[in-house]
Protein backbone atom coordinates (compact mmCIF):
# COMPACT_ATOMS: atom_id res chain seq x y z
CA MET A 1 -37.37 92.65 26.73
CA SER A 2 -33.69 93.57 26.79
CA LEU A 3 -30.69 93.81 29.08
CA GLU A 4 -31.53 97.51 29.42
CA ASN A 5 -34.82 96.48 31.06
CA VAL A 6 -32.93 94.21 33.43
CA MET A 7 -30.62 97.04 34.49
CA ASP A 8 -33.62 99.32 35.05
CA LEU A 9 -35.05 96.74 37.47
CA ILE A 10 -31.76 96.58 39.35
CA TRP A 11 -31.60 100.35 39.73
CA GLY A 12 -35.26 100.29 40.76
CA ASP A 13 -34.51 97.99 43.72
CA GLU A 14 -36.24 94.98 42.17
CA PRO A 15 -33.43 92.41 42.05
CA ILE A 16 -35.70 89.35 42.07
CA LYS A 17 -37.60 90.56 38.99
CA ALA A 18 -34.28 91.44 37.35
CA LEU A 19 -32.96 87.93 37.93
CA GLU A 20 -36.11 86.31 36.54
CA LEU A 21 -36.13 88.58 33.49
CA VAL A 22 -32.50 88.03 32.56
CA LYS A 23 -33.10 84.26 32.55
CA THR A 24 -35.53 84.71 29.65
CA ILE A 25 -33.05 86.60 27.46
CA GLU A 26 -30.80 84.71 25.05
CA GLY A 27 -27.12 85.33 24.56
CA GLU A 28 -23.78 85.13 26.28
CA GLU A 29 -24.03 88.67 27.64
CA ALA A 30 -27.30 87.82 29.36
CA ARG A 31 -25.78 84.71 30.93
CA GLU A 32 -22.87 86.71 32.28
CA LEU A 33 -25.24 89.32 33.72
CA GLN A 34 -27.36 86.55 35.25
CA LYS A 35 -24.31 85.13 37.03
CA LYS A 36 -23.37 88.57 38.28
CA ILE A 37 -26.85 89.35 39.63
CA GLN A 38 -27.07 85.96 41.33
CA LYS A 39 -23.66 86.30 42.92
CA LYS A 40 -24.15 89.89 44.05
CA LEU A 41 -27.68 89.55 45.36
CA ASP A 42 -27.79 86.05 46.86
CA HIS A 43 -27.45 87.50 50.34
CA ILE A 44 -30.47 89.73 49.74
CA ILE A 45 -32.71 87.29 47.86
CA ASN A 46 -31.78 84.26 49.96
CA PRO A 47 -30.42 85.46 53.32
CA ASP A 48 -30.47 81.92 54.75
CA ILE A 49 -28.04 80.77 52.06
CA TYR A 50 -25.92 83.85 52.65
CA ILE A 51 -25.75 83.17 56.38
CA LYS A 52 -24.94 79.47 55.89
CA LYS A 53 -21.91 80.28 53.74
CA TYR A 54 -20.00 81.89 56.55
CA LYS A 55 -21.66 80.40 59.61
CA GLU A 56 -18.87 77.91 60.22
CA ASP A 57 -15.96 79.80 58.65
CA PRO A 58 -16.49 83.57 58.38
CA MET A 59 -12.86 84.11 57.33
CA GLY A 60 -12.89 81.55 54.55
CA TRP A 61 -16.33 81.24 52.96
CA ARG A 62 -15.56 83.61 50.09
CA PRO A 63 -14.04 82.06 46.94
CA GLU A 64 -10.30 81.47 47.41
CA ASN A 65 -10.47 83.26 50.77
CA MET A 66 -10.44 86.48 48.79
CA TRP A 67 -10.76 88.78 51.84
CA ASN A 68 -8.26 87.11 54.13
CA HIS A 69 -5.30 89.28 53.17
CA ARG A 70 -7.35 92.43 53.87
CA TYR A 71 -8.57 91.07 57.19
CA ASN A 72 -5.05 90.07 58.16
CA TRP A 73 -3.64 93.52 57.41
CA VAL A 74 -6.24 95.25 59.58
CA TRP A 75 -6.18 92.58 62.28
CA ASN A 76 -2.40 92.65 62.63
CA TYR A 77 -2.57 96.39 63.17
CA VAL A 78 -5.32 96.06 65.78
CA VAL A 79 -3.49 93.30 67.67
CA ASN A 80 -0.23 95.26 67.78
CA SER A 81 -1.85 98.50 68.91
CA ASN A 82 -3.01 99.59 72.34
CA ALA A 83 -6.51 100.29 71.04
CA LYS A 84 -9.38 100.13 73.49
CA SER A 85 -12.11 100.68 70.91
CA TYR A 86 -12.77 99.62 67.33
CA LEU A 87 -15.35 100.74 64.75
CA ASP A 88 -15.88 98.93 61.43
CA ILE A 89 -17.99 100.81 58.86
CA GLY A 90 -19.50 98.42 56.32
CA CYS A 91 -18.47 95.39 58.40
CA TYR A 92 -20.52 92.81 56.42
CA GLU A 93 -20.11 89.49 58.30
CA GLY A 94 -18.46 91.29 61.21
CA THR A 95 -15.45 89.01 61.56
CA LEU A 96 -13.05 91.58 62.96
CA VAL A 97 -15.64 93.20 65.20
CA LEU A 98 -16.21 89.85 66.91
CA LYS A 99 -12.51 89.03 67.08
CA ALA A 100 -11.70 92.42 68.62
CA ALA A 101 -14.35 91.98 71.31
CA HIS A 102 -13.85 88.28 71.98
CA GLU A 103 -10.07 87.94 71.71
CA LEU A 104 -8.83 91.38 72.75
CA GLY A 105 -11.63 92.36 75.10
CA ILE A 106 -12.06 95.83 73.61
CA LYS A 107 -15.17 97.79 72.71
CA ALA A 108 -16.09 96.87 69.13
CA VAL A 109 -18.88 98.23 66.93
CA GLY A 110 -19.87 97.22 63.40
CA VAL A 111 -22.11 99.24 61.07
CA GLU A 112 -23.71 97.32 58.21
CA LEU A 113 -26.47 97.96 55.67
CA CYS A 114 -27.47 94.29 55.26
CA THR A 115 -30.12 93.36 57.84
CA ALA A 116 -29.48 89.60 57.54
CA ALA A 117 -25.78 90.11 58.28
CA CYS A 118 -26.48 92.29 61.32
CA GLU A 119 -28.93 89.79 62.76
CA TRP A 120 -26.54 86.89 62.35
CA ASN A 121 -23.57 88.85 63.66
CA THR A 122 -25.50 89.91 66.75
CA SER A 123 -26.45 86.31 67.48
CA ARG A 124 -22.75 85.39 67.63
CA ILE A 125 -21.74 87.93 70.28
CA LYS A 126 -20.51 86.05 73.34
CA LEU A 127 -21.97 86.80 76.75
CA GLY A 128 -20.13 89.68 78.36
CA ALA A 129 -18.39 90.86 75.20
CA ASP A 130 -18.48 94.60 74.55
CA ALA A 131 -19.68 94.32 70.94
CA LYS A 132 -22.67 95.47 68.96
CA PHE A 133 -23.85 95.68 65.37
CA ILE A 134 -25.85 98.59 63.98
CA ASN A 135 -28.05 98.11 60.91
CA SER A 136 -27.79 101.51 59.23
CA THR A 137 -27.05 103.43 56.06
CA LEU A 138 -24.23 105.95 55.90
CA GLU A 139 -26.76 108.77 55.91
CA ASP A 140 -28.55 107.58 59.03
CA TYR A 141 -25.59 106.49 61.13
CA LYS A 142 -24.84 108.89 63.97
CA ASP A 143 -22.30 108.32 66.74
CA ASP A 144 -21.06 110.74 69.40
CA ASN A 145 -18.29 108.36 70.50
CA LYS A 146 -14.65 108.49 69.42
CA TYR A 147 -12.79 105.28 68.56
CA ASP A 148 -9.11 104.40 68.66
CA ILE A 149 -9.30 102.48 65.36
CA VAL A 150 -11.83 103.22 62.61
CA VAL A 151 -11.96 100.81 59.68
CA CYS A 152 -13.70 100.83 56.28
CA MET A 153 -12.90 97.85 54.05
CA GLU A 154 -14.05 97.58 50.41
CA VAL A 155 -16.76 100.24 50.63
CA ILE A 156 -15.37 103.51 49.29
CA GLU A 157 -15.29 102.25 45.69
CA HIS A 158 -19.07 101.65 45.76
CA VAL A 159 -20.10 105.19 46.70
CA LYS A 160 -20.50 108.12 44.33
CA ASP A 161 -19.57 110.61 47.03
CA PRO A 162 -16.64 109.06 48.91
CA GLN A 163 -16.25 112.16 51.07
CA ARG A 164 -19.33 111.01 52.97
CA ILE A 165 -17.34 107.99 54.14
CA ILE A 166 -14.17 109.95 54.82
CA SER A 167 -16.12 112.59 56.76
CA LEU A 168 -17.92 109.92 58.78
CA MET A 169 -14.64 108.23 59.67
CA LYS A 170 -13.07 111.54 60.72
CA SER A 171 -16.10 112.44 62.83
CA VAL A 172 -15.59 109.39 65.08
CA MET A 173 -11.80 109.75 65.38
CA HIS A 174 -9.82 111.64 68.04
CA GLU A 175 -6.36 113.14 67.57
CA ASN A 176 -4.61 109.83 68.24
CA SER A 177 -7.01 107.59 66.31
CA ILE A 178 -5.96 105.55 63.31
CA GLY A 179 -8.19 105.23 60.23
CA LEU A 180 -7.74 102.17 58.01
CA ILE A 181 -9.19 101.87 54.49
CA THR A 182 -8.89 99.08 51.94
CA THR A 183 -10.03 99.27 48.32
CA PRO A 184 -9.22 97.54 45.02
CA LYS A 185 -6.54 99.14 42.88
CA GLY A 186 -8.15 100.18 39.61
CA CYS A 187 -11.66 99.48 38.31
CA LEU A 188 -12.98 96.01 37.55
CA ASP A 189 -15.85 96.98 35.25
CA LEU A 190 -15.46 100.21 33.28
CA ASP A 191 -18.66 99.82 31.23
CA ASN A 192 -20.80 99.29 34.33
CA THR A 193 -19.09 102.20 36.07
CA LYS A 194 -19.94 104.51 33.18
CA ARG A 195 -23.57 103.43 33.31
CA ILE A 196 -23.81 103.96 37.06
CA TRP A 197 -22.41 107.47 36.81
CA ASN A 198 -25.12 108.29 34.28
CA ASP A 199 -27.88 107.03 36.56
CA PRO A 200 -28.94 109.54 39.25
CA ARG A 201 -31.19 107.19 41.19
CA GLU A 202 -28.75 105.69 43.68
CA ASP A 203 -25.69 106.72 45.61
CA VAL A 204 -24.62 103.44 47.17
CA VAL A 205 -24.84 101.25 44.10
CA PHE A 206 -24.66 97.75 42.66
CA ASP A 207 -20.99 97.77 41.72
CA HIS A 208 -17.81 99.82 41.70
CA VAL A 209 -18.25 103.43 40.64
CA ARG A 210 -14.70 104.72 40.95
CA THR A 211 -11.12 103.61 40.71
CA TYR A 212 -8.19 104.47 42.94
CA GLN A 213 -4.45 104.49 42.60
CA VAL A 214 -1.98 105.32 45.39
CA ASN A 215 -1.93 109.08 44.80
CA SER A 216 -5.67 109.47 44.21
CA LEU A 217 -6.55 107.57 47.39
CA ARG A 218 -4.07 109.65 49.38
CA LYS A 219 -5.62 112.82 47.97
CA GLU A 220 -9.17 111.57 48.67
CA ILE A 221 -8.41 111.04 52.35
CA GLY A 222 -6.79 114.46 52.53
CA THR A 223 -5.28 114.53 56.02
CA SER A 224 -1.80 115.65 57.03
CA TYR A 225 -0.68 112.06 57.59
CA VAL A 226 -1.69 109.43 55.01
CA HIS A 227 0.29 106.31 54.17
CA VAL A 228 -0.94 104.17 51.25
CA ILE A 229 0.46 100.68 50.61
CA GLU A 230 0.12 98.98 47.23
CA ALA A 231 -0.22 95.19 47.59
CA GLY A 232 -0.99 93.45 44.30
CA PRO A 233 -4.56 94.35 43.29
CA GLU A 234 -5.26 96.08 46.61
CA LEU A 235 -4.59 99.45 48.22
CA TYR A 236 -4.26 99.75 51.98
CA ALA A 237 -4.41 103.22 53.55
CA MET A 238 -3.61 104.28 57.10
CA PHE A 239 -4.26 107.85 58.21
CA GLN A 240 -4.59 110.18 61.17
CA LEU A 241 -6.34 113.52 61.58
């Protein structure tokens, strides 16, 4: 068996088998892949462990609080706006959805692919708060409502067809809405990206499939008003229709 077999299992939606197989393969490359699979898929293989990590501190459970600067950028905008509604596409642990509903008293909706995350997030909604979480893929999510703020953090780089995300965001925005996108600057794993692009089996995939710089992200969004901020390894984009 080889690392190629391991990758085939990952693309075939068999992460547990992939993890067990890679453990039997010798070599430093196999150990690195094992760490990556374990880290990426813990929340799928062991949802109880995943939930425990952020149960007490959803803002800080990630290593070195690696998402806090992104959260803070979005949150500061929400707090200083007059928004009455908030939509977060790919909300994961739903931190800002809950904060918007609980602290600002506005309508807040989170869309997330991970079932375990949606279940836990829903259990944390306080009585009377106007918040909900929808367990859905991009393809299946439909919403006739329009939101004042529409957010998509750290998702666009995982999707082969990013216009699906951009189109979805635009479809739930009105003329005065603000869209907020965050994404890493550059690509973290060129070899894996090349492999993913050569594999037709998935659209939303295991790792990053594209890289953005300021100009390319501005062009991807493609509206008349787009402002992209470069902050270290991150890109922050704000746009209107």
